[in-house]
Amino acid sequence: MAERLTLSRQLDEHAARRRLGRLGATTLEPAWMALWAAPLGMTGKPPGAWLLGAREMQRALLLTGAELPVQVERPDTGIQLTGATAPTPEATQRLWLWERMATPRLWRIQALDTPPTPVWLPCWLGYRAGRKHQLTVISGLSGEVLSMIKPLVLAGLERAHDHAQADTEKTLPAG
């Protein structure tokens, strides 16, 4: 399997704090979501856009531009959320269909037959306590609210918690 590319974080902590504060969050933390980037374009030409998604997603994220905005280093700060599976070609076609329906216009590009590239999508997780805790996920690229990956984030947080609990139980002395 190919190395997972890391998309560069464009939204710094100060801007994320302002954005999440407007959305009601009181605390935040950086995170990285493991997704796949499926190329979109015309056959025989380089990609003109990318569809970020996973098999478990109902809607994908559309990232325009011929190049993915990658950084050289791996994710450094924040929690790494994994567990989403790579979309099949059929799932990619379905995600692209929903994206075209959501933004109707004359789309000349199509999902290319190239396998999706594994990527780390930078995110910011905002939390608000209250009678019920609330989680808000925004993109580390644009600051846009990413409600479509919230179920994946919650599942990833649960896996990270379970993994941390298992590690803690291994290190505790028997007694």
Protein backbone atom coordinates (compact mmCIF):
# COMPACT_ATOMS: atom_id res chain seq x y z
CA MET A 1 0.00 0.00 0.00
CA ALA A 2 1.22 3.48 -0.82
CA GLU A 3 2.46 5.86 1.86
CA ARG A 4 -0.34 8.07 3.19
CA LEU A 5 0.12 11.67 1.98
CA THR A 6 -0.32 14.45 4.52
CA LEU A 7 -2.37 17.42 3.32
CA SER A 8 -0.92 20.66 4.68
CA ARG A 9 -2.86 22.44 7.42
CA GLN A 10 -3.87 25.92 6.18
CA LEU A 11 -5.93 26.98 9.22
CA ASP A 12 -3.76 27.73 12.27
CA GLU A 13 -4.89 27.32 15.88
CA HIS A 14 -5.82 30.99 16.34
CA ALA A 15 -8.09 31.02 13.26
CA ALA A 16 -9.57 27.64 14.21
CA ARG A 17 -10.31 28.89 17.75
CA ARG A 18 -12.15 31.94 16.32
CA ARG A 19 -14.11 29.82 13.83
CA LEU A 20 -15.06 27.14 16.37
CA GLY A 21 -15.89 29.81 18.96
CA ARG A 22 -18.45 31.29 16.55
CA LEU A 23 -19.90 27.77 16.26
CA GLY A 24 -20.20 27.46 20.06
CA ALA A 25 -17.15 25.31 20.88
CA THR A 26 -15.19 26.14 24.02
CA THR A 27 -12.19 23.83 23.56
CA LEU A 28 -10.43 22.46 20.52
CA GLU A 29 -7.74 20.04 19.43
CA PRO A 30 -6.02 19.29 16.12
CA ALA A 31 -6.76 15.98 14.41
CA TRP A 32 -5.90 14.10 11.23
CA MET A 33 -8.54 11.99 9.47
CA ALA A 34 -7.41 9.11 7.28
CA LEU A 35 -9.29 9.39 3.97
CA TRP A 36 -8.71 8.58 0.30
CA ALA A 37 -8.37 11.06 -2.56
CA ALA A 38 -9.94 9.85 -5.81
CA PRO A 39 -8.82 11.83 -8.87
CA LEU A 40 -11.40 13.60 -11.04
CA GLY A 41 -10.71 14.82 -14.54
CA MET A 42 -10.92 14.05 -18.21
CA THR A 43 -9.62 10.74 -19.51
CA GLY A 44 -5.99 10.96 -20.59
CA LYS A 45 -5.38 14.26 -18.79
CA PRO A 46 -4.06 15.05 -15.31
CA PRO A 47 -6.66 15.37 -12.52
CA GLY A 48 -8.45 18.69 -12.17
CA ALA A 49 -9.99 17.95 -8.77
CA TRP A 50 -10.00 15.35 -6.02
CA LEU A 51 -12.84 13.63 -4.21
CA LEU A 52 -11.88 12.95 -0.57
CA GLY A 53 -13.87 10.13 0.93
CA ALA A 54 -14.18 6.64 2.33
CA ARG A 55 -16.50 3.72 1.73
CA GLU A 56 -18.45 4.58 4.92
CA MET A 57 -19.25 8.16 3.85
CA GLN A 58 -22.55 9.26 2.35
CA ARG A 59 -21.05 12.45 0.88
CA ALA A 60 -17.46 13.19 -0.10
CA LEU A 61 -15.38 16.36 0.05
CA LEU A 62 -14.53 18.04 -3.25
CA LEU A 63 -11.02 19.49 -3.39
CA THR A 64 -10.31 21.50 -6.54
CA GLY A 65 -6.89 21.82 -8.07
CA ALA A 66 -4.60 19.60 -10.09
CA GLU A 67 -2.22 18.96 -7.18
CA LEU A 68 -3.00 17.82 -3.68
CA PRO A 69 -1.67 20.41 -1.16
CA VAL A 70 0.73 18.01 0.56
CA GLN A 71 3.40 18.64 3.14
CA VAL A 72 6.58 16.63 3.41
CA GLU A 73 6.40 15.64 7.06
CA ARG A 74 3.94 13.23 8.61
CA PRO A 75 1.16 14.42 10.94
CA ASP A 76 2.90 15.79 14.01
CA THR A 77 0.44 17.24 16.50
CA GLY A 78 -3.04 16.04 17.20
CA ILE A 79 -4.88 12.77 17.22
CA GLN A 80 -4.74 10.48 14.18
CA LEU A 81 -8.16 9.04 13.38
CA THR A 82 -8.09 5.86 11.32
CA GLY A 83 -10.41 3.01 10.48
CA ALA A 84 -12.25 4.21 7.39
CA THR A 85 -11.90 1.87 4.44
CA ALA A 86 -10.88 2.78 0.90
CA PRO A 87 -13.81 3.38 -1.42
CA THR A 88 -14.39 0.85 -4.16
CA PRO A 89 -14.69 2.17 -7.73
CA GLU A 90 -18.47 1.81 -7.37
CA ALA A 91 -18.45 3.79 -4.12
CA THR A 92 -16.32 6.51 -5.75
CA GLN A 93 -18.82 6.73 -8.62
CA ARG A 94 -21.68 6.97 -6.10
CA LEU A 95 -19.90 9.72 -4.11
CA TRP A 96 -19.19 11.64 -7.33
CA LEU A 97 -22.84 11.30 -8.39
CA TRP A 98 -24.02 12.78 -5.06
CA GLU A 99 -21.50 15.61 -5.35
CA ARG A 100 -22.72 16.46 -8.87
CA MET A 101 -26.33 16.40 -7.69
CA ALA A 102 -25.53 18.67 -4.73
CA THR A 103 -23.89 21.29 -6.96
CA PRO A 104 -25.74 21.18 -10.26
CA ARG A 105 -23.83 22.53 -13.21
CA LEU A 106 -22.30 21.16 -16.38
CA TRP A 107 -19.60 18.82 -15.09
CA ARG A 108 -17.13 17.85 -17.80
CA ILE A 109 -14.92 15.86 -15.48
CA GLN A 110 -15.48 12.32 -14.29
CA ALA A 111 -14.06 9.95 -11.71
CA LEU A 112 -10.87 8.53 -13.21
CA ASP A 113 -10.02 4.82 -13.10
CA THR A 114 -6.89 5.50 -11.01
CA PRO A 115 -6.97 3.95 -7.52
CA PRO A 116 -7.54 6.49 -4.73
CA THR A 117 -4.51 7.90 -2.88
CA PRO A 118 -4.49 7.53 0.92
CA VAL A 119 -4.26 10.95 2.60
CA TRP A 120 -4.30 12.54 6.06
CA LEU A 121 -6.89 15.34 6.08
CA PRO A 122 -6.13 18.02 8.71
CA CYS A 123 -9.12 18.85 10.91
CA TRP A 124 -9.91 20.78 14.05
CA LEU A 125 -12.23 19.21 16.62
CA GLY A 126 -14.25 21.65 18.71
CA TYR A 127 -16.00 20.58 21.90
CA ARG A 128 -18.77 22.18 23.93
CA ALA A 129 -19.85 20.81 27.29
CA GLY A 130 -23.35 21.15 28.58
CA ARG A 131 -26.30 18.92 29.23
CA LYS A 132 -25.08 17.05 26.16
CA HIS A 133 -21.54 17.28 24.87
CA GLN A 134 -21.27 18.59 21.33
CA LEU A 135 -18.56 17.92 18.75
CA THR A 136 -17.92 20.19 15.77
CA VAL A 137 -15.45 19.18 13.05
CA ILE A 138 -13.95 21.80 10.74
CA SER A 139 -11.48 21.44 7.91
CA GLY A 140 -7.86 22.34 8.53
CA LEU A 141 -7.70 23.38 4.87
CA SER A 142 -10.57 25.87 4.69
CA GLY A 143 -12.35 26.11 8.05
CA GLU A 144 -15.50 24.65 6.51
CA VAL A 145 -17.72 22.56 8.81
CA LEU A 146 -17.31 18.88 7.90
CA SER A 147 -20.53 17.26 9.11
CA MET A 148 -20.13 14.43 6.59
CA ILE A 149 -17.06 13.03 8.38
CA LYS A 150 -18.40 13.44 11.93
CA PRO A 151 -19.48 9.75 12.16
CA LEU A 152 -15.97 8.69 11.06
CA VAL A 153 -14.41 11.07 13.60
CA LEU A 154 -16.58 9.68 16.42
CA ALA A 155 -15.69 6.10 15.44
CA GLY A 156 -12.00 7.07 15.25
CA LEU A 157 -12.15 8.72 18.69
CA GLU A 158 -13.77 5.58 20.09
CA ARG A 159 -11.01 3.40 18.56
CA ALA A 160 -8.31 5.73 19.91
CA HIS A 161 -9.90 5.60 23.38
CA ASP A 162 -10.18 1.80 23.30
CA HIS A 163 -6.56 1.54 22.14
CA ALA A 164 -5.39 3.85 24.95
CA GLN A 165 -7.42 1.84 27.50
CA ALA A 166 -5.88 -1.43 26.28
CA ASP A 167 -2.38 0.07 26.53
CA THR A 168 -3.12 1.28 30.07
CA GLU A 169 -4.35 -2.15 31.13
CA LYS A 170 -1.18 -3.76 29.75
CA THR A 171 1.07 -1.43 31.76
CA LEU A 172 -0.80 -1.69 35.08
CA PRO A 173 0.80 -4.09 37.58
CA ALA A 174 -1.20 -7.20 38.37
CA GLY A 175 -2.78 -6.94 41.74
